[in-house]
Protein backbone atom coordinates (compact mmCIF):
# COMPACT_ATOMS: atom_id res chain seq x y z
CA MET A 1 16.38 -27.45 -43.66
CA ARG A 2 17.94 -26.00 -46.66
CA ASN A 3 16.85 -26.39 -50.03
CA ILE A 4 18.95 -27.05 -52.94
CA TYR A 5 18.62 -26.01 -56.44
CA TYR A 6 20.04 -27.10 -59.96
CA GLU A 7 21.63 -24.41 -60.43
CA ASP A 8 23.78 -25.43 -56.89
CA PHE A 9 25.34 -28.05 -59.61
CA GLY A 10 25.92 -25.90 -62.32
CA ALA A 11 22.44 -26.03 -64.64
CA LYS A 12 21.80 -23.39 -66.89
CA GLY A 13 18.30 -23.28 -67.02
CA ASP A 14 18.31 -21.49 -70.49
CA GLY A 15 16.63 -24.13 -72.67
CA LYS A 16 19.66 -24.36 -74.65
CA THR A 17 22.25 -26.00 -72.35
CA ASP A 18 22.30 -29.68 -71.50
CA ASP A 19 21.89 -29.66 -68.16
CA MET A 20 20.66 -33.31 -67.44
CA SER A 21 24.37 -33.96 -65.50
CA ALA A 22 24.03 -31.00 -63.41
CA ILE A 23 20.65 -32.62 -62.46
CA ALA A 24 21.65 -36.08 -62.04
CA LEU A 25 24.28 -34.52 -59.43
CA CYS A 26 22.07 -32.34 -58.07
CA HIS A 27 19.47 -35.17 -57.13
CA GLU A 28 22.24 -37.77 -56.05
CA TYR A 29 23.60 -35.55 -53.59
CA ALA A 30 20.32 -34.39 -52.63
CA ASN A 31 19.38 -38.55 -52.11
CA LYS A 32 22.32 -39.03 -49.92
CA TYR A 33 21.70 -36.10 -47.85
CA ASN A 34 18.20 -36.44 -47.29
CA ILE A 35 17.81 -32.71 -48.95
CA PRO A 36 14.80 -31.24 -50.89
CA VAL A 37 15.59 -30.27 -54.49
CA VAL A 38 13.93 -27.11 -56.18
CA ALA A 39 13.68 -26.96 -59.99
CA GLY A 40 13.55 -23.07 -59.77
CA GLY A 41 10.88 -23.25 -62.72
CA LYS A 42 13.37 -22.41 -65.42
CA ASP A 43 13.42 -24.02 -68.75
CA TYR A 44 16.23 -27.30 -68.47
CA CYS A 45 16.72 -29.46 -71.08
CA SER A 46 18.94 -32.41 -72.21
CA ALA A 47 20.57 -32.79 -75.54
CA LYS A 48 19.24 -36.27 -75.93
CA TYR A 49 15.95 -34.89 -76.08
CA TYR A 50 16.92 -32.06 -78.44
CA ALA A 51 18.42 -34.40 -81.20
CA LEU A 52 15.62 -36.38 -81.07
CA GLU A 53 13.11 -33.44 -81.63
CA ASN A 54 15.33 -32.69 -84.19
CA SER A 55 15.47 -36.08 -85.96
CA LEU A 56 11.59 -36.33 -85.64
CA HIS A 57 11.23 -32.86 -87.34
CA ARG A 58 13.54 -33.50 -90.34
CA LEU A 59 11.93 -36.67 -90.78
CA LEU A 60 8.33 -35.24 -90.96
CA LEU A 61 9.79 -32.55 -93.19
CA LEU A 62 11.41 -35.24 -95.51
CA VAL A 63 7.63 -36.95 -95.80
CA TRP A 64 5.95 -33.78 -96.14
CA LEU A 65 8.32 -32.93 -99.08
CA LEU A 66 7.91 -36.53 -100.62
CA CYS A 67 3.81 -36.55 -101.08
């Protein structure tokens, strides 16, 4: 049985590009056809995660500056 990879569905795995749509499509296809998914050990990310992380960093910086 062939494995599928996130890159097969457009994921970059570069740590900067939002790969969430490609990952979701990959798992949807894999579930439909009962095919194993291999993540490939790259740095996949979601823009939502980075937005939250950046917001937390700004909040912590603001608190630090105010103290």
